[in-house]
Protein backbone atom coordinates (compact mmCIF):
# COMPACT_ATOMS: atom_id res chain seq x y z
CA MET A 1 8.27 -7.35 18.84
CA GLN A 2 5.15 -9.01 15.66
CA LEU A 3 4.14 -5.31 16.16
CA ASP A 4 7.10 -3.74 15.23
CA SER A 5 6.98 -5.26 12.27
CA ASP A 6 3.07 -5.17 11.86
CA GLN A 7 3.56 -1.23 12.14
CA GLU A 8 7.04 -0.63 9.13
CA GLN A 9 4.80 -2.99 7.46
CA SER A 10 1.37 -0.81 6.97
CA SER A 11 3.78 2.17 7.14
CA PHE A 12 5.36 1.16 3.87
CA LEU A 13 2.04 -0.12 2.70
CA TYR A 14 0.50 3.85 3.23
CA SER A 15 3.70 5.06 1.58
CA PHE A 16 3.85 2.77 -1.94
CA GLY A 17 -0.23 3.71 -2.23
CA GLN A 18 1.05 7.80 -1.79
CA VAL A 19 3.77 6.54 -4.72
CA THR A 20 1.57 5.35 -6.82
CA SER A 21 -1.06 7.22 -6.86
CA PHE A 22 1.58 10.31 -6.98
CA ILE A 23 2.77 7.72 -9.83
CA ARG A 24 -0.31 6.36 -11.40
CA PRO A 25 -3.23 8.68 -10.33
CA ASP A 26 -5.96 6.71 -12.42
CA ILE A 27 -4.94 3.47 -10.94
CA CYS A 28 -6.05 5.04 -7.84
CA LYS A 29 -8.76 6.12 -8.81
CA ALA A 30 -9.78 2.86 -10.34
CA GLN A 31 -9.02 0.56 -8.02
CA GLY A 32 -9.61 2.62 -4.15
CA ILE A 33 -8.94 1.29 -1.13
CA ASP A 34 -7.74 -1.85 -2.81
CA ARG A 35 -4.43 -1.00 -4.18
CA GLN A 36 -3.31 -1.24 -0.62
CA VAL A 37 -5.42 -5.17 -0.32
CA GLU A 38 -2.85 -5.80 -3.71
CA ALA A 39 0.18 -4.58 -2.75
CA LYS A 40 -0.02 -6.77 1.37
CA ARG A 41 -0.84 -9.44 -1.70
CA LEU A 42 2.44 -9.29 -3.46
CA LEU A 43 4.86 -8.68 -0.52
CA SER A 44 3.59 -11.90 0.98
């Protein structure tokens, strides 16, 4: 059960990162992978 929710969260974070990189590529270039860590922190 926990594994499924972790997979859903990972998928969401990946999609969130893709959308962010599409809308604001400058932010993603500046922060790199940190955007996913930040997204996870904001959602928790």
